[in-house]
Amino acid sequence: MQISALHLTALLFLRDTCIHLILQLIFKLAKRRRYAAVVFISWRRPLRQWRTPFRSPRRLAAQLAVLCW
């Protein structure tokens, strides 16, 4: 099965839209609750062990967006 450029473009668009919606949801939660880091507990614990510079959920979300881009 060969993937055409149109299919590839549609897949990329869907992926970016999903990422955008997920990040919007995260930011809404972070605005609504200041302790919204609960959302990131499962990611932040291993990240703390690696001593990476992620301090806030928003920075982590931004880094994830860059990585997924």
C-alpha atoms as a PDB file:
ATOM      1  CA  MET A   1       0.000   0.000   0.000  1.00  0.00           C
ATOM      2  CA  GLN A   2       1.447   3.320  -1.065  1.00  0.00           C
ATOM      3  CA  ILE A   3       0.803   6.452   0.996  1.00  0.00           C
ATOM      4  CA  SER A   4       0.121   9.513  -1.104  1.00  0.00           C
ATOM      5  CA  ALA A   5       1.207  13.036  -0.203  1.00  0.00           C
ATOM      6  CA  LEU A   6      -2.402  13.906   0.595  1.00  0.00           C
ATOM      7  CA  HIS A   7      -2.707  11.049   3.082  1.00  0.00           C
ATOM      8  CA  LEU A   8       0.604  12.008   4.668  1.00  0.00           C
ATOM      9  CA  THR A   9      -0.500  15.639   4.979  1.00  0.00           C
ATOM     10  CA  ALA A  10      -3.801  14.565   6.541  1.00  0.00           C
ATOM     11  CA  LEU A  11      -2.011  12.320   9.048  1.00  0.00           C
ATOM     12  CA  LEU A  12       0.410  15.099  10.022  1.00  0.00           C
ATOM     13  CA  PHE A  13      -2.487  17.531  10.407  1.00  0.00           C
ATOM     14  CA  LEU A  14      -4.374  15.095  12.657  1.00  0.00           C
ATOM     15  CA  ARG A  15      -1.264  14.474  14.755  1.00  0.00           C
ATOM     16  CA  ASP A  16      -0.608  18.203  15.218  1.00  0.00           C
ATOM     17  CA  THR A  17      -4.273  18.845  16.030  1.00  0.00           C
ATOM     18  CA  CYS A  18      -4.256  16.127  18.687  1.00  0.00           C
ATOM     19  CA  ILE A  19      -1.063  17.509  20.235  1.00  0.00           C
ATOM     20  CA  HIS A  20      -2.545  21.007  20.214  1.00  0.00           C
ATOM     21  CA  LEU A  21      -5.780  19.859  21.890  1.00  0.00           C
ATOM     22  CA  ILE A  22      -3.895  17.899  24.552  1.00  0.00           C
ATOM     23  CA  LEU A  23      -1.676  20.888  25.339  1.00  0.00           C
ATOM     24  CA  GLN A  24      -4.713  23.195  25.505  1.00  0.00           C
ATOM     25  CA  LEU A  25      -6.361  20.848  27.985  1.00  0.00           C
ATOM     26  CA  ILE A  26      -3.190  20.755  30.097  1.00  0.00           C
ATOM     27  CA  PHE A  27      -2.952  24.559  30.112  1.00  0.00           C
ATOM     28  CA  LYS A  28      -6.633  24.878  31.098  1.00  0.00           C
ATOM     29  CA  LEU A  29      -6.062  22.496  33.997  1.00  0.00           C
ATOM     30  CA  ALA A  30      -2.949  24.422  35.010  1.00  0.00           C
ATOM     31  CA  LYS A  31      -4.899  27.690  34.980  1.00  0.00           C
ATOM     32  CA  ARG A  32      -7.792  26.239  36.932  1.00  0.00           C
ATOM     33  CA  ARG A  33      -5.630  24.657  39.606  1.00  0.00           C
ATOM     34  CA  ARG A  34      -2.252  25.926  40.645  1.00  0.00           C
ATOM     35  CA  TYR A  35      -1.289  22.457  41.811  1.00  0.00           C
ATOM     36  CA  ALA A  36      -1.999  20.944  38.405  1.00  0.00           C
ATOM     37  CA  ALA A  37       1.411  19.260  38.547  1.00  0.00           C
ATOM     38  CA  VAL A  38      -0.612  16.199  39.616  1.00  0.00           C
ATOM     39  CA  VAL A  39      -1.222  15.664  35.899  1.00  0.00           C
ATOM     40  CA  PHE A  40       2.518  15.282  35.427  1.00  0.00           C
ATOM     41  CA  ILE A  41       3.377  13.136  38.432  1.00  0.00           C
ATOM     42  CA  SER A  42       4.017  10.040  36.342  1.00  0.00           C
ATOM     43  CA  TRP A  43       6.353  11.997  34.012  1.00  0.00           C
ATOM     44  CA  ARG A  44       8.018  14.255  36.561  1.00  0.00           C
ATOM     45  CA  ARG A  45       9.215  11.531  38.905  1.00  0.00           C
ATOM     46  CA  PRO A  46      11.520   9.877  36.351  1.00  0.00           C
ATOM     47  CA  LEU A  47      12.533  13.309  35.049  1.00  0.00           C
ATOM     48  CA  ARG A  48      13.625  14.375  38.533  1.00  0.00           C
ATOM     49  CA  GLN A  49      15.835  11.320  38.727  1.00  0.00           C
ATOM     50  CA  TRP A  50      17.513  12.329  35.470  1.00  0.00           C
ATOM     51  CA  ARG A  51      18.023  15.884  36.831  1.00  0.00           C
ATOM     52  CA  THR A  52      16.583  17.585  33.802  1.00  0.00           C
ATOM     53  CA  PRO A  53      15.690  21.298  33.924  1.00  0.00           C
ATOM     54  CA  PHE A  54      11.912  20.728  33.864  1.00  0.00           C
ATOM     55  CA  ARG A  55      10.576  22.709  36.828  1.00  0.00           C
ATOM     56  CA  SER A  56       6.986  23.462  35.877  1.00  0.00           C
ATOM     57  CA  PRO A  57       4.240  21.582  34.039  1.00  0.00           C
ATOM     58  CA  ARG A  58       4.149  24.319  31.395  1.00  0.00           C
ATOM     59  CA  ARG A  59       7.854  23.971  30.619  1.00  0.00           C
ATOM     60  CA  LEU A  60       7.449  20.224  30.388  1.00  0.00           C
ATOM     61  CA  ALA A  61       4.461  20.604  28.074  1.00  0.00           C
ATOM     62  CA  ALA A  62       6.430  23.024  25.899  1.00  0.00           C
ATOM     63  CA  GLN A  63       9.345  20.592  25.714  1.00  0.00           C
ATOM     64  CA  LEU A  64       7.003  17.736  24.807  1.00  0.00           C
ATOM     65  CA  ALA A  65       5.436  19.861  22.088  1.00  0.00           C
ATOM     66  CA  VAL A  66       8.894  20.608  20.658  1.00  0.00           C
ATOM     67  CA  LEU A  67       9.844  16.929  20.794  1.00  0.00           C
ATOM     68  CA  CYS A  68       6.615  15.837  19.101  1.00  0.00           C
ATOM     69  CA  TRP A  69       6.927  18.515  16.425  1.00  0.00           C
END
